[in-house]
Amino acid sequence: MNLEDHLGDIIRKARLMTNASAASAAKAAGFTEAELAALEDSGTFSKRPDFKALAGVIGVNAAKLESIANGWMPAKKGLSTWKEFRALTSAGDGLTVNCYLVWDEASREAALFDTGFDARVILDTVVAERLQLRHIFITHTHHDHIAALSEVRAAALPAKVHSNAKGAPADQRNQPGAMVQLGQLRITYRETPGHAADGLTYVISNGPGNAPQVAVVGDTIFAGSMGRGNDGWDLARRKVREQILSLPPGTLLCPGHGPLTTVGEEQANNPFF
């Protein structure tokens, strides 16, 4: 699986985040504005930009930005320690989106995190693994993350929906300090607005054996990048630092798009941090 954002996407996001003009970024990179536009669109370049100068203008880490240009990817994640965990991918509206299913081995009680576009892949897994879907956790209510919610709910009643959406019924709103017990698993949440006003990160702990904790982060952070700061770049960036990168380095990060990563990998390689 490729990174959600290629080099050009990262540069464009960072430039917009800092209100840097295309002219100033192009000059720093040693490019014309047309060359910078081509790089932002494609993620590729025929001549190497001056990463140090460009990074200084757009407010990112130069060495990490250059590492992305050199092809950095997070290590492929083997989930053998999390046998009761599935990353499911679906496509629609020109987007590919991840959702996640976790369950307790003994009770077979399961929780779903977001739905993506395809209810069938979720429901087929529930049947194949003989699960009882008890909870549906929503990281944020952008369409691609909840497109299949109605269909999943209809097939999995009485699964309880959890979200931070202002318009959600009171019984679906996450309560401060709430903790959901799923067999031996514990699920808590952290507020991570910025990309979306209702953005949440869910942390799954007390997994089997020595399994690290898992954070389902929606579009708050991606491997090597982050979601658009629709509700404020500074807020989005601050919440990632405070609520996600403060977790233990081995924490598995499960984004809404792109490959799985870890807190440690993002601390070391994400140009925005």
C-alpha atoms as a PDB file:
ATOM      1  CA  MET A   1       0.000   0.000   0.000  1.00  0.00           C
ATOM      2  CA  ASN A   2       1.358   3.414  -0.991  1.00  0.00           C
ATOM      3  CA  LEU A   3       1.492   6.387   1.338  1.00  0.00           C
ATOM      4  CA  GLU A   4      -1.747   8.355   1.391  1.00  0.00           C
ATOM      5  CA  ASP A   5       0.163  11.547   0.516  1.00  0.00           C
ATOM      6  CA  HIS A   6       3.022  11.659  -1.952  1.00  0.00           C
ATOM      7  CA  LEU A   7       5.830  14.211  -1.694  1.00  0.00           C
ATOM      8  CA  GLY A   8       3.897  16.853  -3.620  1.00  0.00           C
ATOM      9  CA  ASP A   9       0.805  16.449  -1.459  1.00  0.00           C
ATOM     10  CA  ILE A  10       2.933  16.997   1.645  1.00  0.00           C
ATOM     11  CA  ILE A  11       4.599  20.097   0.206  1.00  0.00           C
ATOM     12  CA  ARG A  12       1.266  21.589  -0.861  1.00  0.00           C
ATOM     13  CA  LYS A  13      -0.342  20.898   2.541  1.00  0.00           C
ATOM     14  CA  ALA A  14       2.617  22.412   4.377  1.00  0.00           C
ATOM     15  CA  ARG A  15       2.670  25.451   2.083  1.00  0.00           C
ATOM     16  CA  LEU A  16      -1.037  26.084   2.650  1.00  0.00           C
ATOM     17  CA  MET A  17      -0.616  25.477   6.384  1.00  0.00           C
ATOM     18  CA  THR A  18       1.983  28.246   6.630  1.00  0.00           C
ATOM     19  CA  ASN A  19       0.365  30.550   4.044  1.00  0.00           C
ATOM     20  CA  ALA A  20       3.571  30.437   2.037  1.00  0.00           C
ATOM     21  CA  SER A  21       3.124  31.649  -1.524  1.00  0.00           C
ATOM     22  CA  ALA A  22       3.896  29.402  -4.468  1.00  0.00           C
ATOM     23  CA  ALA A  23       6.432  31.992  -5.567  1.00  0.00           C
ATOM     24  CA  SER A  24       8.360  31.929  -2.277  1.00  0.00           C
ATOM     25  CA  ALA A  25       8.294  28.129  -2.046  1.00  0.00           C
ATOM     26  CA  ALA A  26       9.413  27.749  -5.652  1.00  0.00           C
ATOM     27  CA  LYS A  27      12.272  30.216  -5.161  1.00  0.00           C
ATOM     28  CA  ALA A  28      13.454  28.378  -2.043  1.00  0.00           C
ATOM     29  CA  ALA A  29      13.321  25.032  -3.840  1.00  0.00           C
ATOM     30  CA  GLY A  30      15.253  26.409  -6.814  1.00  0.00           C
ATOM     31  CA  PHE A  31      12.248  25.830  -9.051  1.00  0.00           C
ATOM     32  CA  THR A  32      10.033  27.898 -11.272  1.00  0.00           C
ATOM     33  CA  GLU A  33       6.429  28.151 -10.122  1.00  0.00           C
ATOM     34  CA  ALA A  34       5.460  25.810 -12.968  1.00  0.00           C
ATOM     35  CA  GLU A  35       8.010  23.240 -11.778  1.00  0.00           C
ATOM     36  CA  LEU A  36       6.728  23.503  -8.211  1.00  0.00           C
ATOM     37  CA  ALA A  37       3.148  23.059  -9.399  1.00  0.00           C
ATOM     38  CA  ALA A  38       4.183  19.937 -11.326  1.00  0.00           C
ATOM     39  CA  LEU A  39       5.923  18.550  -8.228  1.00  0.00           C
ATOM     40  CA  GLU A  40       2.889  19.241  -6.035  1.00  0.00           C
ATOM     41  CA  ASP A  41       0.597  17.552  -8.557  1.00  0.00           C
ATOM     42  CA  SER A  42       2.692  14.459  -9.273  1.00  0.00           C
ATOM     43  CA  GLY A  43       5.031  13.998  -6.325  1.00  0.00           C
ATOM     44  CA  THR A  44       7.938  13.559  -8.746  1.00  0.00           C
ATOM     45  CA  PHE A  45      10.682  15.849  -9.989  1.00  0.00           C
ATOM     46  CA  SER A  46      13.275  15.882 -12.768  1.00  0.00           C
ATOM     47  CA  LYS A  47      15.706  18.027 -10.796  1.00  0.00           C
ATOM     48  CA  ARG A  48      16.165  17.753  -7.058  1.00  0.00           C
ATOM     49  CA  PRO A  49      14.758  20.641  -5.024  1.00  0.00           C
ATOM     50  CA  ASP A  50      16.700  22.353  -2.278  1.00  0.00           C
ATOM     51  CA  PHE A  51      14.939  20.531   0.534  1.00  0.00           C
ATOM     52  CA  LYS A  52      16.562  22.515   3.333  1.00  0.00           C
ATOM     53  CA  ALA A  53      15.525  25.902   1.974  1.00  0.00           C
ATOM     54  CA  LEU A  54      12.075  24.696   0.912  1.00  0.00           C
ATOM     55  CA  ALA A  55      11.404  23.113   4.310  1.00  0.00           C
ATOM     56  CA  GLY A  56      12.360  26.373   6.009  1.00  0.00           C
ATOM     57  CA  VAL A  57       9.738  28.279   4.015  1.00  0.00           C
ATOM     58  CA  ILE A  58       6.895  25.764   4.449  1.00  0.00           C
ATOM     59  CA  GLY A  59       7.616  24.906   8.078  1.00  0.00           C
ATOM     60  CA  VAL A  60       8.488  21.206   7.979  1.00  0.00           C
ATOM     61  CA  ASN A  61      11.517  19.111   8.908  1.00  0.00           C
ATOM     62  CA  ALA A  62      13.950  19.126   5.993  1.00  0.00           C
ATOM     63  CA  ALA A  63      15.584  15.759   6.675  1.00  0.00           C
ATOM     64  CA  LYS A  64      12.210  14.030   7.049  1.00  0.00           C
ATOM     65  CA  LEU A  65      10.877  15.687   3.882  1.00  0.00           C
ATOM     66  CA  GLU A  66      13.902  14.477   1.959  1.00  0.00           C
ATOM     67  CA  SER A  67      13.429  10.996   3.424  1.00  0.00           C
ATOM     68  CA  ILE A  68       9.913  10.947   1.955  1.00  0.00           C
ATOM     69  CA  ALA A  69      11.404  11.988  -1.400  1.00  0.00           C
ATOM     70  CA  ASN A  70      13.844   9.086  -1.103  1.00  0.00           C
ATOM     71  CA  GLY A  71      10.993   6.605  -0.741  1.00  0.00           C
ATOM     72  CA  TRP A  72      10.489   6.186   3.012  1.00  0.00           C
ATOM     73  CA  MET A  73       7.673   3.842   3.975  1.00  0.00           C
ATOM     74  CA  PRO A  74       6.658   2.539   7.396  1.00  0.00           C
ATOM     75  CA  ALA A  75       7.720  -1.025   8.079  1.00  0.00           C
ATOM     76  CA  LYS A  76       5.145  -3.552   6.943  1.00  0.00           C
ATOM     77  CA  LYS A  77       3.067  -4.530   9.944  1.00  0.00           C
ATOM     78  CA  GLY A  78       2.608  -8.154  10.890  1.00  0.00           C
ATOM     79  CA  LEU A  79      -0.434  -8.463  13.108  1.00  0.00           C
ATOM     80  CA  SER A  80       0.388 -11.860  14.596  1.00  0.00           C
ATOM     81  CA  THR A  81       0.269 -10.428  18.113  1.00  0.00           C
ATOM     82  CA  TRP A  82      -3.163  -8.963  17.339  1.00  0.00           C
ATOM     83  CA  LYS A  83      -4.870 -12.074  15.977  1.00  0.00           C
ATOM     84  CA  GLU A  84      -8.288 -10.590  16.701  1.00  0.00           C
ATOM     85  CA  PHE A  85      -7.807  -7.471  14.606  1.00  0.00           C
ATOM     86  CA  ARG A  86      -8.572  -6.755  10.955  1.00  0.00           C
ATOM     87  CA  ALA A  87      -7.830  -3.767   8.735  1.00  0.00           C
ATOM     88  CA  LEU A  88     -10.485  -3.647   6.013  1.00  0.00           C
ATOM     89  CA  THR A  89     -10.272  -1.441   2.920  1.00  0.00           C
ATOM     90  CA  SER A  90     -13.002  -0.273   0.568  1.00  0.00           C
ATOM     91  CA  ALA A  91     -13.255   2.179  -2.301  1.00  0.00           C
ATOM     92  CA  GLY A  92     -15.833   4.677  -3.512  1.00  0.00           C
ATOM     93  CA  ASP A  93     -16.122   8.205  -4.886  1.00  0.00           C
ATOM     94  CA  GLY A  94     -12.511   7.989  -6.068  1.00  0.00           C
ATOM     95  CA  LEU A  95     -11.260   7.331  -2.524  1.00  0.00           C
ATOM     96  CA  THR A  96      -9.819   4.305  -0.740  1.00  0.00           C
ATOM     97  CA  VAL A  97     -10.593   4.211   2.965  1.00  0.00           C
ATOM     98  CA  ASN A  98      -9.710   1.954   5.889  1.00  0.00           C
ATOM     99  CA  CYS A  99     -11.915   0.693   8.665  1.00  0.00           C
ATOM    100  CA  TYR A 100     -10.956  -1.626  11.505  1.00  0.00           C
ATOM    101  CA  LEU A 101     -12.544  -4.530  13.344  1.00  0.00           C
ATOM    102  CA  VAL A 102     -11.316  -5.800  16.720  1.00  0.00           C
ATOM    103  CA  TRP A 103     -12.746  -8.421  19.038  1.00  0.00           C
ATOM    104  CA  ASP A 104     -12.213 -10.277  22.271  1.00  0.00           C
ATOM    105  CA  GLU A 105     -11.067 -13.830  21.634  1.00  0.00           C
ATOM    106  CA  ALA A 106     -13.064 -15.427  24.431  1.00  0.00           C
ATOM    107  CA  SER A 107     -16.396 -13.611  24.230  1.00  0.00           C
ATOM    108  CA  ARG A 108     -16.279 -12.918  20.445  1.00  0.00           C
ATOM    109  CA  GLU A 109     -17.644  -9.447  21.190  1.00  0.00           C
ATOM    110  CA  ALA A 110     -16.466  -7.061  18.480  1.00  0.00           C
ATOM    111  CA  ALA A 111     -16.066  -3.359  17.810  1.00  0.00           C
ATOM    112  CA  LEU A 112     -15.916  -1.640  14.425  1.00  0.00           C
ATOM    113  CA  PHE A 113     -14.053   1.625  13.836  1.00  0.00           C
ATOM    114  CA  ASP A 114     -15.556   3.590  10.937  1.00  0.00           C
ATOM    115  CA  THR A 115     -17.260   1.763   8.069  1.00  0.00           C
ATOM    116  CA  GLY A 116     -15.809   2.886   4.764  1.00  0.00           C
ATOM    117  CA  PHE A 117     -17.974   2.297   1.706  1.00  0.00           C
ATOM    118  CA  ASP A 118     -18.528  -1.465   1.803  1.00  0.00           C
ATOM    119  CA  ALA A 119     -20.721  -3.012   4.482  1.00  0.00           C
ATOM    120  CA  ARG A 120     -20.395  -6.463   2.930  1.00  0.00           C
ATOM    121  CA  VAL A 121     -16.682  -6.934   3.685  1.00  0.00           C
ATOM    122  CA  ILE A 122     -17.393  -5.990   7.314  1.00  0.00           C
ATOM    123  CA  LEU A 123     -20.437  -8.202   7.729  1.00  0.00           C
ATOM    124  CA  ASP A 124     -18.753 -11.135   5.988  1.00  0.00           C
ATOM    125  CA  THR A 125     -15.880 -10.917   8.477  1.00  0.00           C
ATOM    126  CA  VAL A 126     -18.317 -10.769  11.391  1.00  0.00           C
ATOM    127  CA  VAL A 127     -19.977 -13.957  10.148  1.00  0.00           C
ATOM    128  CA  ALA A 128     -16.744 -15.765   9.275  1.00  0.00           C
ATOM    129  CA  GLU A 129     -15.228 -15.080  12.701  1.00  0.00           C
ATOM    130  CA  ARG A 130     -18.523 -15.798  14.566  1.00  0.00           C
ATOM    131  CA  LEU A 131     -18.562 -12.343  16.126  1.00  0.00           C
ATOM    132  CA  GLN A 132     -21.155 -10.307  17.958  1.00  0.00           C
ATOM    133  CA  LEU A 133     -20.766  -6.707  16.801  1.00  0.00           C
ATOM    134  CA  ARG A 134     -21.460  -4.669  19.944  1.00  0.00           C
ATOM    135  CA  HIS A 135     -19.980  -1.244  19.171  1.00  0.00           C
ATOM    136  CA  ILE A 136     -19.370   1.033  16.177  1.00  0.00           C
ATOM    137  CA  PHE A 137     -16.887   3.831  16.859  1.00  0.00           C
ATOM    138  CA  ILE A 138     -16.767   6.781  14.447  1.00  0.00           C
ATOM    139  CA  THR A 139     -13.521   8.777  14.191  1.00  0.00           C
ATOM    140  CA  HIS A 140     -15.278  11.621  12.330  1.00  0.00           C
ATOM    141  CA  THR A 141     -18.350  11.981  10.179  1.00  0.00           C
ATOM    142  CA  HIS A 142     -16.863  12.753   6.767  1.00  0.00           C
ATOM    143  CA  HIS A 143     -18.824  10.749   4.202  1.00  0.00           C
ATOM    144  CA  ASP A 144     -16.096   8.285   3.231  1.00  0.00           C
ATOM    145  CA  HIS A 145     -15.798   7.108   6.838  1.00  0.00           C
ATOM    146  CA  ILE A 146     -19.501   6.516   7.462  1.00  0.00           C
ATOM    147  CA  ALA A 147     -20.883   5.683   3.994  1.00  0.00           C
ATOM    148  CA  ALA A 148     -21.861   2.135   5.019  1.00  0.00           C
ATOM    149  CA  LEU A 149     -23.009   2.994   8.540  1.00  0.00           C
ATOM    150  CA  SER A 150     -26.751   2.631   7.931  1.00  0.00           C
ATOM    151  CA  GLU A 151     -26.319  -0.759   6.274  1.00  0.00           C
ATOM    152  CA  VAL A 152     -24.003  -2.071   8.982  1.00  0.00           C
ATOM    153  CA  ARG A 153     -26.325  -0.883  11.742  1.00  0.00           C
ATOM    154  CA  ALA A 154     -29.359  -2.467  10.103  1.00  0.00           C
ATOM    155  CA  ALA A 155     -27.581  -5.820   9.940  1.00  0.00           C
ATOM    156  CA  ALA A 156     -25.940  -5.620  13.367  1.00  0.00           C
ATOM    157  CA  LEU A 157     -28.577  -4.298  15.741  1.00  0.00           C
ATOM    158  CA  PRO A 158     -28.253  -3.597  18.650  1.00  0.00           C
ATOM    159  CA  ALA A 159     -24.661  -2.415  18.100  1.00  0.00           C
ATOM    160  CA  LYS A 160     -24.124   0.929  19.858  1.00  0.00           C
ATOM    161  CA  VAL A 161     -22.760   3.849  17.854  1.00  0.00           C
ATOM    162  CA  HIS A 162     -20.171   6.144  19.446  1.00  0.00           C
ATOM    163  CA  SER A 163     -19.225   9.504  17.936  1.00  0.00           C
ATOM    164  CA  ASN A 164     -18.477  13.117  18.744  1.00  0.00           C
ATOM    165  CA  ALA A 165     -20.847  14.586  16.152  1.00  0.00           C
ATOM    166  CA  LYS A 166     -22.839  17.526  17.501  1.00  0.00           C
ATOM    167  CA  GLY A 167     -25.950  16.357  15.681  1.00  0.00           C
ATOM    168  CA  ALA A 168     -25.792  12.788  16.955  1.00  0.00           C
ATOM    169  CA  PRO A 169     -28.462  11.546  19.378  1.00  0.00           C
ATOM    170  CA  ALA A 170     -27.454  11.992  23.006  1.00  0.00           C
ATOM    171  CA  ASP A 171     -27.028   8.253  23.542  1.00  0.00           C
ATOM    172  CA  GLN A 172     -24.429   8.117  20.730  1.00  0.00           C
ATOM    173  CA  ARG A 173     -22.242  10.959  22.007  1.00  0.00           C
ATOM    174  CA  ASN A 174     -19.022   9.974  23.745  1.00  0.00           C
ATOM    175  CA  GLN A 175     -19.040  10.999  27.382  1.00  0.00           C
ATOM    176  CA  PRO A 176     -15.975  12.561  29.059  1.00  0.00           C
ATOM    177  CA  GLY A 177     -13.727   9.885  30.508  1.00  0.00           C
ATOM    178  CA  ALA A 178     -15.777   7.074  28.957  1.00  0.00           C
ATOM    179  CA  MET A 179     -14.220   3.617  28.751  1.00  0.00           C
ATOM    180  CA  VAL A 180     -15.782   0.683  26.921  1.00  0.00           C
ATOM    181  CA  GLN A 181     -14.892  -2.825  28.026  1.00  0.00           C
ATOM    182  CA  LEU A 182     -14.914  -5.406  25.247  1.00  0.00           C
ATOM    183  CA  GLY A 183     -14.124  -8.674  26.977  1.00  0.00           C
ATOM    184  CA  GLN A 184     -10.593  -8.063  28.237  1.00  0.00           C
ATOM    185  CA  LEU A 185     -10.040  -5.153  25.840  1.00  0.00           C
ATOM    186  CA  ARG A 186     -10.408  -1.540  26.948  1.00  0.00           C
ATOM    187  CA  ILE A 187     -11.367   1.230  24.522  1.00  0.00           C
ATOM    188  CA  THR A 188     -10.974   4.908  25.375  1.00  0.00           C
ATOM    189  CA  TYR A 189     -10.984   8.023  23.253  1.00  0.00           C
ATOM    190  CA  ARG A 190      -9.023  11.235  22.818  1.00  0.00           C
ATOM    191  CA  GLU A 191     -10.385  14.355  21.144  1.00  0.00           C
ATOM    192  CA  THR A 192      -8.373  15.175  18.023  1.00  0.00           C
ATOM    193  CA  PRO A 193     -10.176  17.962  16.130  1.00  0.00           C
ATOM    194  CA  GLY A 194      -8.498  19.958  13.384  1.00  0.00           C
ATOM    195  CA  HIS A 195      -9.161  17.883  10.304  1.00  0.00           C
ATOM    196  CA  ALA A 196     -12.779  17.562  11.444  1.00  0.00           C
ATOM    197  CA  ALA A 197     -14.574  19.347  14.260  1.00  0.00           C
ATOM    198  CA  ASP A 198     -15.758  15.990  15.641  1.00  0.00           C
ATOM    199  CA  GLY A 199     -12.421  14.230  15.198  1.00  0.00           C
ATOM    200  CA  LEU A 200     -11.585  11.472  17.671  1.00  0.00           C
ATOM    201  CA  THR A 201      -8.806   8.968  18.204  1.00  0.00           C
ATOM    202  CA  TYR A 202      -9.751   5.658  19.845  1.00  0.00           C
ATOM    203  CA  VAL A 203      -7.142   3.795  21.878  1.00  0.00           C
ATOM    204  CA  ILE A 204      -7.454   0.018  22.313  1.00  0.00           C
ATOM    205  CA  SER A 205      -5.439  -1.391  25.192  1.00  0.00           C
ATOM    206  CA  ASN A 206      -5.043  -4.565  27.248  1.00  0.00           C
ATOM    207  CA  GLY A 207      -4.661  -6.658  24.105  1.00  0.00           C
ATOM    208  CA  PRO A 208      -3.570 -10.288  23.985  1.00  0.00           C
ATOM    209  CA  GLY A 209      -0.137 -11.246  25.250  1.00  0.00           C
ATOM    210  CA  ASN A 210       2.421  -8.525  24.619  1.00  0.00           C
ATOM    211  CA  ALA A 211       0.430  -6.792  21.889  1.00  0.00           C
ATOM    212  CA  PRO A 212       1.062  -3.028  21.831  1.00  0.00           C
ATOM    213  CA  GLN A 213      -1.868  -0.710  22.213  1.00  0.00           C
ATOM    214  CA  VAL A 214      -3.637   0.431  19.065  1.00  0.00           C
ATOM    215  CA  ALA A 215      -4.801   3.946  18.176  1.00  0.00           C
ATOM    216  CA  VAL A 216      -7.409   4.350  15.435  1.00  0.00           C
ATOM    217  CA  VAL A 217      -6.716   7.904  14.306  1.00  0.00           C
ATOM    218  CA  GLY A 218      -9.053   8.573  11.379  1.00  0.00           C
ATOM    219  CA  ASP A 219      -7.582  11.320   9.184  1.00  0.00           C
ATOM    220  CA  THR A 220      -5.786  13.124  12.014  1.00  0.00           C
ATOM    221  CA  ILE A 221      -2.406  11.676  10.971  1.00  0.00           C
ATOM    222  CA  PHE A 222      -1.227   9.468   8.126  1.00  0.00           C
ATOM    223  CA  ALA A 223       2.032   7.611   7.628  1.00  0.00           C
ATOM    224  CA  GLY A 224       4.403  10.443   6.725  1.00  0.00           C
ATOM    225  CA  SER A 225       1.708  13.129   6.615  1.00  0.00           C
ATOM    226  CA  MET A 226      -1.515  14.387   8.192  1.00  0.00           C
ATOM    227  CA  GLY A 227      -5.055  15.269   7.199  1.00  0.00           C
ATOM    228  CA  ARG A 228      -6.028  18.708   5.908  1.00  0.00           C
ATOM    229  CA  GLY A 229      -6.566  21.227   8.688  1.00  0.00           C
ATOM    230  CA  ASN A 230     -10.140  22.000   7.734  1.00  0.00           C
ATOM    231  CA  ASP A 231     -10.843  23.446  11.184  1.00  0.00           C
ATOM    232  CA  GLY A 232      -7.391  24.917  11.716  1.00  0.00           C
ATOM    233  CA  TRP A 233      -3.883  23.727  10.870  1.00  0.00           C
ATOM    234  CA  ASP A 234      -2.415  24.828  14.193  1.00  0.00           C
ATOM    235  CA  LEU A 235      -5.149  23.003  16.086  1.00  0.00           C
ATOM    236  CA  ALA A 236      -4.730  19.854  13.995  1.00  0.00           C
ATOM    237  CA  ARG A 237      -0.982  19.788  14.460  1.00  0.00           C
ATOM    238  CA  ARG A 238      -1.189  20.505  18.190  1.00  0.00           C
ATOM    239  CA  LYS A 239      -3.715  17.742  18.781  1.00  0.00           C
ATOM    240  CA  VAL A 240      -1.511  15.212  16.974  1.00  0.00           C
ATOM    241  CA  ARG A 241       1.405  16.132  19.214  1.00  0.00           C
ATOM    242  CA  GLU A 242      -0.613  16.158  22.426  1.00  0.00           C
ATOM    243  CA  GLN A 243      -2.964  13.239  21.903  1.00  0.00           C
ATOM    244  CA  ILE A 244      -1.244  10.846  19.477  1.00  0.00           C
ATOM    245  CA  LEU A 245       2.529  11.323  19.434  1.00  0.00           C
ATOM    246  CA  SER A 246       2.474  11.370  23.245  1.00  0.00           C
ATOM    247  CA  LEU A 247       1.462   7.689  23.230  1.00  0.00           C
ATOM    248  CA  PRO A 248       4.174   5.009  23.684  1.00  0.00           C
ATOM    249  CA  PRO A 249       6.438   4.659  20.598  1.00  0.00           C
ATOM    250  CA  GLY A 250       5.277   1.114  19.906  1.00  0.00           C
ATOM    251  CA  THR A 251       1.614   2.143  19.633  1.00  0.00           C
ATOM    252  CA  LEU A 252       0.151   0.941  16.348  1.00  0.00           C
ATOM    253  CA  LEU A 253      -1.445   3.836  14.445  1.00  0.00           C
ATOM    254  CA  CYS A 254      -4.370   2.924  12.214  1.00  0.00           C
ATOM    255  CA  PRO A 255      -5.213   5.801   9.870  1.00  0.00           C
ATOM    256  CA  GLY A 256      -8.272   6.236   7.706  1.00  0.00           C
ATOM    257  CA  HIS A 257      -6.157   6.116   4.549  1.00  0.00           C
ATOM    258  CA  GLY A 258      -2.806   4.584   3.674  1.00  0.00           C
ATOM    259  CA  PRO A 259      -0.656   2.057   5.550  1.00  0.00           C
ATOM    260  CA  LEU A 260      -0.419   1.293   9.248  1.00  0.00           C
ATOM    261  CA  THR A 261       2.408   2.976  11.104  1.00  0.00           C
ATOM    262  CA  THR A 262       3.554   3.525  14.702  1.00  0.00           C
ATOM    263  CA  VAL A 263       4.045   6.475  16.998  1.00  0.00           C
ATOM    264  CA  GLY A 264       7.803   5.896  16.921  1.00  0.00           C
ATOM    265  CA  GLU A 265       7.937   5.825  13.130  1.00  0.00           C
ATOM    266  CA  GLU A 266       5.984   9.061  12.869  1.00  0.00           C
ATOM    267  CA  GLN A 267       8.111  10.786  15.503  1.00  0.00           C
ATOM    268  CA  ALA A 268      11.180   9.864  13.454  1.00  0.00           C
ATOM    269  CA  ASN A 269       9.881  10.328   9.914  1.00  0.00           C
ATOM    270  CA  ASN A 270       6.809  12.581   9.644  1.00  0.00           C
ATOM    271  CA  PRO A 271       7.900  15.952   8.189  1.00  0.00           C
ATOM    272  CA  PHE A 272       5.105  17.849   9.981  1.00  0.00           C
ATOM    273  CA  PHE A 273       6.495  16.911  13.438  1.00  0.00           C
END
